[in-house]
Amino acid sequence: MRRGLSLAGNVLFVFYCTAVGVYLLLRPWSAASAPGAAGISASGFFRGFVSGLGLVHLAVGVADLRSLSRSLEDLPGGDR
């Protein structure tokens, strides 16, 4: 039971990191954010910073996915 909850939590975390990472990576450069951009949000440095946060989220998601796949391989009956 406890293993299943941990697995579900890890899967949700990977999904969260991937979804937020893609959003933060692409949103600053989309056409929808450009027309009304004013102040700091119009700055290329700020857009790059937000995209960098997206890359960090994606990297954390990939790292957690790797550890999740390794832990699933270690389960009894994991190698079929």
Protein backbone atom coordinates (compact mmCIF):
# COMPACT_ATOMS: atom_id res chain seq x y z
CA MET A 1 0.00 0.00 0.00
CA ARG A 2 2.71 2.42 1.01
CA ARG A 3 4.76 1.55 -2.08
CA GLY A 4 1.78 2.32 -4.32
CA LEU A 5 1.29 5.75 -2.74
CA SER A 6 4.97 6.53 -3.16
CA LEU A 7 4.81 5.43 -6.79
CA ALA A 8 1.73 7.58 -7.44
CA GLY A 9 3.42 10.58 -5.81
CA ASN A 10 6.52 10.15 -7.93
CA VAL A 11 4.49 9.81 -11.13
CA LEU A 12 2.54 12.98 -10.29
CA PHE A 13 5.78 14.83 -9.55
CA VAL A 14 7.26 13.81 -12.91
CA PHE A 15 4.06 14.94 -14.64
CA TYR A 16 4.12 18.27 -12.77
CA CYS A 17 7.77 18.95 -13.58
CA THR A 18 7.26 18.11 -17.24
CA ALA A 19 4.10 20.17 -17.65
CA VAL A 20 5.41 23.24 -15.82
CA GLY A 21 8.81 22.92 -17.51
CA VAL A 22 7.32 22.92 -21.01
CA TYR A 23 5.00 25.81 -20.10
CA LEU A 24 7.82 27.94 -18.64
CA LEU A 25 10.10 27.10 -21.53
CA LEU A 26 7.67 28.08 -24.29
CA ARG A 27 5.29 30.68 -22.82
CA PRO A 28 7.69 33.66 -22.69
CA TRP A 29 8.41 33.29 -26.40
CA SER A 30 4.87 32.65 -27.62
CA ALA A 31 3.03 35.23 -29.70
CA ALA A 32 0.29 35.54 -27.07
CA SER A 33 2.69 37.09 -24.55
CA ALA A 34 4.38 39.53 -26.97
CA PRO A 35 1.74 42.14 -27.95
CA GLY A 36 0.87 43.42 -24.47
CA ALA A 37 4.31 42.92 -22.98
CA ALA A 38 5.52 45.92 -21.06
CA GLY A 39 8.18 46.51 -18.47
CA ILE A 40 10.21 43.60 -17.23
CA SER A 41 8.18 40.95 -19.08
CA ALA A 42 9.26 42.49 -22.40
CA SER A 43 12.93 42.06 -21.50
CA GLY A 44 14.84 39.33 -23.25
CA PHE A 45 16.79 38.69 -20.05
CA PHE A 46 13.58 38.06 -18.12
CA ARG A 47 12.25 35.78 -20.85
CA GLY A 48 15.50 33.85 -20.81
CA PHE A 49 15.35 33.56 -17.02
CA VAL A 50 11.83 32.13 -17.13
CA SER A 51 12.83 29.73 -19.90
CA GLY A 52 15.82 28.69 -17.79
CA LEU A 53 13.46 27.85 -14.93
CA GLY A 54 11.54 25.71 -17.39
CA LEU A 55 14.72 23.86 -18.32
CA VAL A 56 15.46 23.27 -14.63
CA HIS A 57 11.97 21.82 -14.15
CA LEU A 58 12.47 19.54 -17.16
CA ALA A 59 15.86 18.39 -15.88
CA VAL A 60 14.43 17.58 -12.45
CA GLY A 61 11.54 15.71 -14.08
CA VAL A 62 13.91 13.64 -16.22
CA ALA A 63 16.13 12.85 -13.22
CA ASP A 64 13.14 11.77 -11.15
CA LEU A 65 11.83 9.70 -14.05
CA ARG A 66 15.18 7.90 -14.24
CA SER A 67 15.16 7.11 -10.53
CA LEU A 68 11.53 6.00 -10.78
CA SER A 69 12.32 3.63 -13.64
CA ARG A 70 15.29 2.20 -11.68
CA SER A 71 13.12 1.62 -8.63
CA LEU A 72 10.50 -0.11 -10.76
CA GLU A 73 13.16 -2.43 -12.20
CA ASP A 74 14.15 -3.42 -8.64
CA LEU A 75 10.63 -4.61 -7.82
CA PRO A 76 10.09 -8.36 -7.66
CA GLY A 77 8.83 -9.45 -11.04
CA GLY A 78 10.03 -6.20 -12.61
CA ASP A 79 12.19 -7.91 -15.22
CA ARG A 80 9.91 -9.99 -17.39
